[in-house]
Structure formats: structure tokens, C-alpha cells
C-alpha atoms as a PDB file:
ATOM      1  CA  VAL A   1      40.775   0.146 -23.072  1.00  0.00           C
ATOM      2  CA  ILE A   2      39.658   3.029 -25.286  1.00  0.00           C
ATOM      3  CA  ALA A   3      42.128   5.754 -26.425  1.00  0.00           C
ATOM      4  CA  GLN A   4      40.687   9.229 -26.990  1.00  0.00           C
ATOM      5  CA  GLY A   5      42.429  12.217 -28.649  1.00  0.00           C
ATOM      6  CA  VAL A   6      42.022  15.585 -26.936  1.00  0.00           C
ATOM      7  CA  LEU A   7      43.809  18.949 -26.838  1.00  0.00           C
ATOM      8  CA  ASP A   8      45.542  20.464 -23.821  1.00  0.00           C
ATOM      9  CA  VAL A   9      45.100  24.107 -22.807  1.00  0.00           C
ATOM     10  CA  ALA A  10      47.881  25.130 -25.252  1.00  0.00           C
ATOM     11  CA  GLY A  11      46.205  23.357 -28.154  1.00  0.00           C
ATOM     12  CA  ASN A  12      48.655  20.456 -28.244  1.00  0.00           C
ATOM     13  CA  ALA A  13      47.344  17.021 -29.020  1.00  0.00           C
ATOM     14  CA  MET A  14      47.119  14.681 -26.056  1.00  0.00           C
ATOM     15  CA  THR A  15      45.888  11.155 -25.632  1.00  0.00           C
ATOM     16  CA  THR A  16      43.836   9.972 -22.692  1.00  0.00           C
ATOM     17  CA  THR A  17      42.678   6.472 -21.922  1.00  0.00           C
ATOM     18  CA  THR A  18      39.411   5.293 -20.477  1.00  0.00           C
ATOM     19  CA  LEU A  19      39.158   1.971 -18.703  1.00  0.00           C
ATOM     20  CA  GLN A  20      35.953  -0.003 -19.172  1.00  0.00           C
ATOM     21  CA  MET A  21      35.360  -2.996 -16.936  1.00  0.00           C
ATOM     22  CA  ASN A  22      32.583  -5.537 -16.690  1.00  0.00           C
ATOM     23  CA  VAL A  23      31.796  -5.895 -12.990  1.00  0.00           C
ATOM     24  CA  SER A  24      30.372  -9.200 -11.782  1.00  0.00           C
ATOM     25  CA  PHE A  25      30.378 -11.313  -8.664  1.00  0.00           C
ATOM     26  CA  ASN A  26      29.657 -14.862  -7.663  1.00  0.00           C
ATOM     27  CA  GLY A  27      26.556 -15.087  -5.526  1.00  0.00           C
ATOM     28  CA  ALA A  28      26.041 -17.721  -2.855  1.00  0.00           C
ATOM     29  CA  VAL A  29      24.412 -21.018  -3.738  1.00  0.00           C
ATOM     30  CA  ALA A  30      20.689 -20.951  -2.942  1.00  0.00           C
ATOM     31  CA  VAL A  31      18.732 -23.765  -1.345  1.00  0.00           C
ATOM     32  CA  ALA A  32      15.011 -24.134  -0.739  1.00  0.00           C
ATOM     33  CA  ASN A  33      13.390 -21.205   1.093  1.00  0.00           C
ATOM     34  CA  ASP A  34      16.490 -18.978   1.143  1.00  0.00           C
ATOM     35  CA  LEU A  35      14.497 -16.573  -1.025  1.00  0.00           C
ATOM     36  CA  ILE A  36      10.728 -16.655  -0.779  1.00  0.00           C
ATOM     37  CA  VAL A  37       7.786 -15.399  -2.815  1.00  0.00           C
ATOM     38  CA  ASN A  38       6.635 -12.640  -0.467  1.00  0.00           C
ATOM     39  CA  GLU A  39       4.065 -10.678  -2.464  1.00  0.00           C
ATOM     40  CA  ILE A  40       2.246 -11.070  -5.782  1.00  0.00           C
ATOM     41  CA  MET A  41       0.322  -8.471  -7.789  1.00  0.00           C
ATOM     42  CA  PHE A  42      -1.318 -10.678 -10.405  1.00  0.00           C
ATOM     43  CA  ALA A  43      -4.372  -8.531 -11.196  1.00  0.00           C
ATOM     44  CA  PRO A  44      -3.300  -4.877 -10.983  1.00  0.00           C
ATOM     45  CA  PRO A  45      -5.756  -1.992 -11.393  1.00  0.00           C
ATOM     46  CA  THR A  46      -6.248  -0.733 -14.924  1.00  0.00           C
ATOM     47  CA  GLY A  47      -2.995   0.808 -16.137  1.00  0.00           C
ATOM     48  CA  GLY A  48      -0.921  -0.896 -13.455  1.00  0.00           C
ATOM     49  CA  SER A  49       1.821  -3.486 -13.728  1.00  0.00           C
ATOM     50  CA  GLU A  50       2.009  -7.043 -12.485  1.00  0.00           C
ATOM     51  CA  TYR A  51       4.826  -7.565 -10.012  1.00  0.00           C
ATOM     52  CA  VAL A  52       6.310 -10.210  -7.730  1.00  0.00           C
ATOM     53  CA  GLU A  53       8.366  -9.481  -4.633  1.00  0.00           C
ATOM     54  CA  PHE A  54      11.012 -11.854  -3.306  1.00  0.00           C
ATOM     55  CA  TYR A  55      12.437 -11.646   0.206  1.00  0.00           C
ATOM     56  CA  ASN A  56      15.865 -12.922   1.233  1.00  0.00           C
ATOM     57  CA  ARG A  57      15.307 -14.532   4.607  1.00  0.00           C
ATOM     58  CA  SER A  58      18.761 -16.142   4.677  1.00  0.00           C
ATOM     59  CA  SER A  59      22.120 -14.792   5.850  1.00  0.00           C
ATOM     60  CA  LYS A  60      23.630 -15.163   2.354  1.00  0.00           C
ATOM     61  CA  THR A  61      24.085 -12.736  -0.530  1.00  0.00           C
ATOM     62  CA  PHE A  62      22.875 -13.954  -3.925  1.00  0.00           C
ATOM     63  CA  ASN A  63      23.209 -12.788  -7.509  1.00  0.00           C
ATOM     64  CA  LEU A  64      19.739 -12.224  -8.965  1.00  0.00           C
ATOM     65  CA  SER A  65      20.982 -13.224 -12.416  1.00  0.00           C
ATOM     66  CA  ASP A  66      21.355 -16.773 -11.047  1.00  0.00           C
ATOM     67  CA  PHE A  67      17.578 -17.074 -10.630  1.00  0.00           C
ATOM     68  CA  ARG A  68      14.640 -17.770 -12.922  1.00  0.00           C
ATOM     69  CA  PHE A  69      10.941 -17.053 -12.545  1.00  0.00           C
ATOM     70  CA  ASN A  70       7.914 -18.750 -14.049  1.00  0.00           C
ATOM     71  CA  ASP A  71       4.172 -19.130 -13.719  1.00  0.00           C
ATOM     72  CA  ASN A  72       2.211 -22.367 -13.800  1.00  0.00           C
ATOM     73  CA  THR A  73       3.333 -23.094 -17.374  1.00  0.00           C
ATOM     74  CA  GLY A  74       6.668 -24.128 -15.895  1.00  0.00           C
ATOM     75  CA  THR A  75       8.811 -22.295 -18.458  1.00  0.00           C
ATOM     76  CA  PRO A  76      11.754 -20.644 -16.602  1.00  0.00           C
ATOM     77  CA  ARG A  77      12.166 -16.968 -17.513  1.00  0.00           C
ATOM     78  CA  VAL A  78      15.381 -14.953 -17.164  1.00  0.00           C
ATOM     79  CA  ILE A  79      14.883 -12.193 -14.606  1.00  0.00           C
ATOM     80  CA  THR A  80      17.999 -10.191 -15.460  1.00  0.00           C
ATOM     81  CA  THR A  81      21.328 -10.745 -17.161  1.00  0.00           C
ATOM     82  CA  GLN A  82      23.017  -8.044 -15.065  1.00  0.00           C
ATOM     83  CA  PRO A  83      24.633  -8.770 -11.674  1.00  0.00           C
ATOM     84  CA  VAL A  84      22.299  -7.653  -8.884  1.00  0.00           C
ATOM     85  CA  ALA A  85      23.215  -8.308  -5.250  1.00  0.00           C
ATOM     86  CA  VAL A  86      20.415  -9.700  -3.087  1.00  0.00           C
ATOM     87  CA  THR A  87      21.630  -9.103   0.466  1.00  0.00           C
ATOM     88  CA  PRO A  88      20.211 -10.657   3.660  1.00  0.00           C
ATOM     89  CA  GLY A  89      16.848  -9.144   4.538  1.00  0.00           C
ATOM     90  CA  ALA A  90      16.467  -7.511   1.110  1.00  0.00           C
ATOM     91  CA  TYR A  91      13.211  -7.182  -0.803  1.00  0.00           C
ATOM     92  CA  ILE A  92      13.579  -7.631  -4.572  1.00  0.00           C
ATOM     93  CA  VAL A  93      10.689  -6.487  -6.757  1.00  0.00           C
ATOM     94  CA  ILE A  94      10.481  -7.645 -10.366  1.00  0.00           C
ATOM     95  CA  VAL A  95       7.847  -6.140 -12.625  1.00  0.00           C
ATOM     96  CA  GLN A  96       6.203  -6.662 -15.962  1.00  0.00           C
ATOM     97  CA  ASN A  97       6.386  -2.971 -16.899  1.00  0.00           C
ATOM     98  CA  LEU A  98       8.658  -0.592 -14.998  1.00  0.00           C
ATOM     99  CA  THR A  99       7.039   2.615 -16.267  1.00  0.00           C
ATOM    100  CA  THR A 100       3.517   1.732 -15.159  1.00  0.00           C
ATOM    101  CA  PHE A 101       4.803   0.269 -11.901  1.00  0.00           C
ATOM    102  CA  GLN A 102       6.656   3.473 -10.986  1.00  0.00           C
ATOM    103  CA  SER A 103       3.543   5.503 -11.727  1.00  0.00           C
ATOM    104  CA  ALA A 104       1.734   3.564  -9.011  1.00  0.00           C
ATOM    105  CA  TYR A 105       4.708   3.221  -6.645  1.00  0.00           C
ATOM    106  CA  PRO A 106       7.067   6.177  -7.179  1.00  0.00           C
ATOM    107  CA  GLY A 107      10.396   5.828  -5.439  1.00  0.00           C
ATOM    108  CA  VAL A 108      10.183   2.053  -5.073  1.00  0.00           C
ATOM    109  CA  THR A 109      13.185   0.281  -6.595  1.00  0.00           C
ATOM    110  CA  ALA A 110      12.169  -2.440  -9.041  1.00  0.00           C
ATOM    111  CA  ILE A 111      13.598  -4.421 -11.925  1.00  0.00           C
ATOM    112  CA  GLN A 112      11.779  -4.974 -15.182  1.00  0.00           C
ATOM    113  CA  ALA A 113      12.187  -8.666 -15.880  1.00  0.00           C
ATOM    114  CA  SER A 114      13.894  -9.641 -19.124  1.00  0.00           C
ATOM    115  CA  SER A 115      11.009 -12.020 -19.806  1.00  0.00           C
ATOM    116  CA  TRP A 116       7.644 -12.037 -18.067  1.00  0.00           C
ATOM    117  CA  PRO A 117       5.009 -14.807 -17.862  1.00  0.00           C
ATOM    118  CA  THR A 118       1.655 -13.013 -17.702  1.00  0.00           C
ATOM    119  CA  LEU A 119      -0.035 -14.089 -14.471  1.00  0.00           C
ATOM    120  CA  ASN A 120      -3.642 -15.290 -14.548  1.00  0.00           C
ATOM    121  CA  ASN A 121      -6.137 -13.338 -12.485  1.00  0.00           C
ATOM    122  CA  ASP A 122      -7.818 -16.393 -11.015  1.00  0.00           C
ATOM    123  CA  VAL A 123      -5.637 -19.509 -10.859  1.00  0.00           C
ATOM    124  CA  ASP A 124      -1.872 -19.602 -11.378  1.00  0.00           C
ATOM    125  CA  ALA A 125       1.454 -19.835  -9.568  1.00  0.00           C
ATOM    126  CA  ALA A 126       4.602 -17.813  -8.972  1.00  0.00           C
ATOM    127  CA  VAL A 127       7.713 -19.990  -8.914  1.00  0.00           C
ATOM    128  CA  LEU A 128      11.289 -18.921  -8.125  1.00  0.00           C
ATOM    129  CA  LYS A 129      14.111 -21.169  -9.319  1.00  0.00           C
ATOM    130  CA  TYR A 130      17.885 -21.198  -8.899  1.00  0.00           C
ATOM    131  CA  ALA A 131      19.964 -21.789 -12.016  1.00  0.00           C
ATOM    132  CA  ALA A 132      23.576 -20.799 -11.396  1.00  0.00           C
ATOM    133  CA  SER A 133      25.871 -20.904 -14.419  1.00  0.00           C
ATOM    134  CA  GLY A 134      22.981 -21.760 -16.679  1.00  0.00           C
ATOM    135  CA  GLY A 135      22.658 -25.268 -15.259  1.00  0.00           C
ATOM    136  CA  ALA A 136      19.582 -27.226 -14.216  1.00  0.00           C
ATOM    137  CA  THR A 137      17.005 -25.216 -12.300  1.00  0.00           C
ATOM    138  CA  THR A 138      16.005 -25.969  -8.715  1.00  0.00           C
ATOM    139  CA  VAL A 139      12.783 -24.696  -7.149  1.00  0.00           C
ATOM    140  CA  ILE A 140      13.602 -22.344  -4.268  1.00  0.00           C
ATOM    141  CA  ASP A 141      10.049 -21.305  -3.429  1.00  0.00           C
ATOM    142  CA  SER A 142       6.629 -21.191  -5.060  1.00  0.00           C
ATOM    143  CA  MET A 143       3.158 -19.900  -4.365  1.00  0.00           C
ATOM    144  CA  ALA A 144       0.089 -21.324  -6.069  1.00  0.00           C
ATOM    145  CA  TYR A 145      -3.121 -19.330  -5.834  1.00  0.00           C
ATOM    146  CA  ALA A 146      -6.801 -19.673  -6.657  1.00  0.00           C
ATOM    147  CA  VAL A 147      -8.381 -16.337  -5.858  1.00  0.00           C
ATOM    148  CA  PRO A 148     -12.003 -15.143  -6.172  1.00  0.00           C
ATOM    149  CA  PRO A 149     -12.260 -12.286  -8.707  1.00  0.00           C
ATOM    150  CA  ALA A 150     -13.640 -10.037  -5.936  1.00  0.00           C
ATOM    151  CA  VAL A 151     -10.152  -9.575  -4.453  1.00  0.00           C
ATOM    152  CA  THR A 152      -8.409  -8.610  -7.689  1.00  0.00           C
ATOM    153  CA  GLY A 153      -6.774  -5.200  -7.791  1.00  0.00           C
ATOM    154  CA  ARG A 154      -4.804  -5.797  -4.596  1.00  0.00           C
ATOM    155  CA  SER A 155      -1.598  -7.733  -4.116  1.00  0.00           C
ATOM    156  CA  TYR A 156      -1.483 -11.020  -2.248  1.00  0.00           C
ATOM    157  CA  GLU A 157       0.939 -10.734   0.663  1.00  0.00           C
ATOM    158  CA  ARG A 158       2.671 -13.362   2.741  1.00  0.00           C
ATOM    159  CA  LYS A 159       1.693 -13.062   6.407  1.00  0.00           C
ATOM    160  CA  ASP A 160       4.633 -14.841   8.008  1.00  0.00           C
ATOM    161  CA  PRO A 161       7.901 -14.892   6.017  1.00  0.00           C
ATOM    162  CA  THR A 162       9.117 -17.749   8.218  1.00  0.00           C
ATOM    163  CA  GLY A 163       5.998 -19.811   7.570  1.00  0.00           C
ATOM    164  CA  ALA A 164       4.991 -22.248   4.878  1.00  0.00           C
ATOM    165  CA  SER A 165       4.218 -21.175   1.320  1.00  0.00           C
ATOM    166  CA  VAL A 166       0.557 -22.162   1.453  1.00  0.00           C
ATOM    167  CA  ALA A 167      -2.654 -20.290   0.697  1.00  0.00           C
ATOM    168  CA  SER A 168      -3.524 -19.827   4.376  1.00  0.00           C
ATOM    169  CA  ASN A 169      -0.281 -17.873   4.857  1.00  0.00           C
ATOM    170  CA  PHE A 170      -1.281 -15.287   2.227  1.00  0.00           C
ATOM    171  CA  ALA A 171      -3.948 -12.596   2.331  1.00  0.00           C
ATOM    172  CA  ALA A 172      -5.038  -9.617   0.261  1.00  0.00           C
ATOM    173  CA  SER A 173      -3.059  -6.469   1.048  1.00  0.00           C
ATOM    174  CA  THR A 174      -4.737  -3.954   3.335  1.00  0.00           C
ATOM    175  CA  ALA A 175      -2.430  -1.123   2.219  1.00  0.00           C
ATOM    176  CA  THR A 176      -4.102   2.052   0.961  1.00  0.00           C
ATOM    177  CA  ASN A 177      -2.087   1.894  -2.273  1.00  0.00           C
ATOM    178  CA  LEU A 178      -3.141  -1.747  -2.826  1.00  0.00           C
ATOM    179  CA  GLY A 179       0.281  -3.297  -2.164  1.00  0.00           C
ATOM    180  CA  THR A 180       3.573  -2.920  -0.312  1.00  0.00           C
ATOM    181  CA  PRO A 181       6.308  -3.667  -2.863  1.00  0.00           C
ATOM    182  CA  GLY A 182       9.809  -3.268  -1.451  1.00  0.00           C
ATOM    183  CA  ALA A 183       8.622  -3.057   2.153  1.00  0.00           C
ATOM    184  CA  GLN A 184       7.206  -5.138   4.990  1.00  0.00           C
ATOM    185  CA  ASN A 185       3.783  -6.505   4.124  1.00  0.00           C
ATOM    186  CA  SER A 186       0.631  -4.892   5.492  1.00  0.00           C
ATOM    187  CA  VAL A 187      -0.642  -8.276   6.714  1.00  0.00           C
ATOM    188  CA  TYR A 188       2.699  -9.125   8.360  1.00  0.00           C
ATOM    189  CA  PHE A 189       2.232 -11.474  11.296  1.00  0.00           C
ATOM    190  CA  ILE A 190       4.834 -13.803  12.820  1.00  0.00           C
ATOM    191  CA  ASP A 191       3.084 -16.947  14.001  1.00  0.00           C
ATOM    192  CA  THR A 192       4.649 -18.046  17.292  1.00  0.00           C
ATOM    193  CA  ALA A 193       1.799 -20.299  18.428  1.00  0.00           C
ATOM    194  CA  ALA A 194       2.346 -24.032  18.134  1.00  0.00           C
ATOM    195  CA  PRO A 195       0.010 -26.030  15.872  1.00  0.00           C
ATOM    196  CA  VAL A 196      -2.941 -27.565  17.713  1.00  0.00           C
ATOM    197  CA  ALA A 197      -4.159 -31.055  16.876  1.00  0.00           C
ATOM    198  CA  GLN A 198      -7.877 -30.968  16.043  1.00  0.00           C
ATOM    199  CA  ASN A 199      -8.591 -34.522  15.033  1.00  0.00           C
ATOM    200  CA  ALA A 200      -6.932 -37.963  14.929  1.00  0.00           C
ATOM    201  CA  GLU A 201      -8.240 -40.864  12.885  1.00  0.00           C
ATOM    202  CA  GLU A 202      -6.997 -44.407  12.483  1.00  0.00           C
ATOM    203  CA  THR A 203      -7.027 -45.023   8.728  1.00  0.00           C
ATOM    204  CA  ALA A 204      -5.258 -48.392   8.667  1.00  0.00           C
ATOM    205  CA  ALA A 205      -3.443 -50.778  10.959  1.00  0.00           C
ATOM    206  CA  GLN A 206      -0.745 -48.822  12.789  1.00  0.00           C
ATOM    207  CA  THR A 207      -1.606 -45.647  10.791  1.00  0.00           C
ATOM    208  CA  VAL A 208      -3.115 -42.547  12.365  1.00  0.00           C
ATOM    209  CA  VAL A 209      -3.825 -39.326  10.463  1.00  0.00           C
ATOM    210  CA  VAL A 210      -3.679 -36.229  12.640  1.00  0.00           C
ATOM    211  CA  THR A 211      -5.266 -32.959  11.481  1.00  0.00           C
ATOM    212  CA  TYR A 212      -3.860 -29.678  12.786  1.00  0.00           C
ATOM    213  CA  ASP A 213      -5.271 -26.168  12.745  1.00  0.00           C
ATOM    214  CA  GLU A 214      -2.468 -24.878  10.503  1.00  0.00           C
ATOM    215  CA  PRO A 215       0.196 -26.205   8.115  1.00  0.00           C
ATOM    216  CA  ILE A 216       3.173 -27.818   9.823  1.00  0.00           C
ATOM    217  CA  ASN A 217       6.630 -28.844   8.729  1.00  0.00           C
ATOM    218  CA  PRO A 218       6.500 -32.658   8.407  1.00  0.00           C
ATOM    219  CA  SER A 219      10.065 -32.959   9.707  1.00  0.00           C
END
């Protein structure tokens, strides 16, 4: 509580008080794939900013300050120390440099990360971890990439947010402004077709390896 001295209209001394409060909230506990790596700009055009977009595909509300982000070095980086609500269906964009990002994407809400691991332009990974109360981190989602230099300058977007986090579920953005931060991806496609078995091979006694035409959930 801060007391401030002021004068009333008659010139008499008065005292007013200002209340200052730190607002925080406890976010839900995150488990694997609640939040997903939905888009990565790892090789922006000259003068642009790297960014990563997360998408909350769960029905829970999280506190972004409970999460960490890292590249393939594995060193968890603090995204923000301020409480930020991540509501169901929300896109959260974190950036390396907010000023350069907003020059390319004016009007798009983004957060400049407290610490940023510079992403390689060819081979690297984007990893999201949950670390509530500063405890041990748990991987929530990750996306490893190995991209030919010819596709740099555009973001890599997840096709199906309900699908696996594998290279075949990502593609270069087709958006005219090279990415779709904070919005549905340009290559958005919900895969409703069942996997099709393409080959079956007996590799040992009572062991058969079946190859499908797309990644499947082993369970």
C-alpha cells in the first residue's frame, strides 16, 4: 500500500492510498500432448525473428510461466516469469525478438521469451516442457526437424494438430506472409483416414513387423 499526499480543491492537504497487488493464478497440471508444437520459424527472412507457436488442444487452462522451452541442446529456457493464461484452443506465440516479429506480423500477439535458444537452420528440435513450481521438467511435446536449406524462409507448420509430432505431419507454410503465427496453419488438414498396412514381415519366431503408410499410436 502506497500513501500519496495531494491537495483538495480548497488547497488542503489530503492523503490518498493506492493498492498494488501481484496477480497470479495456478494453472492446470500439463501432461503429454496437452500443448503441442504447432509451428516453427527457425530460418526467418533477413531481418525477421525466429518464433515457435504452441497450441492448447486440451480442455484445461495452463499458466505459461509453468513451461520451459529448449532446442536440441536440452537446456530448458524460461519462457516468461509473468502469469499468462493459456486457455483451451489458444495459440501462444513466443519469439526471439518482439520488435522484428511485429514488423513482419503486425497485430499478432506474441511474447518475447525471457531466454531464447537460437534454432539451427538445418537440423534441430523444438521441445516444450512442463516445470510447475520450479520442479523437474517433463516433456509435453517436441518436434525434431532436418530441413533442406531450399525451404528456409518459411515456417514449418503442423498439418494435423491431433496427429503425431513427426516430420511427415509438418510441411512448409504456404501462406503469402511465410507463416501463420497465432492462427490456424495454412497446411491444416485433419487426417480421418485409418492407417493402411503396406507390408508385413516375420523377423523372428512369433514376431511380425507391420509397416503402415503413416505413423500410428502404438497403443
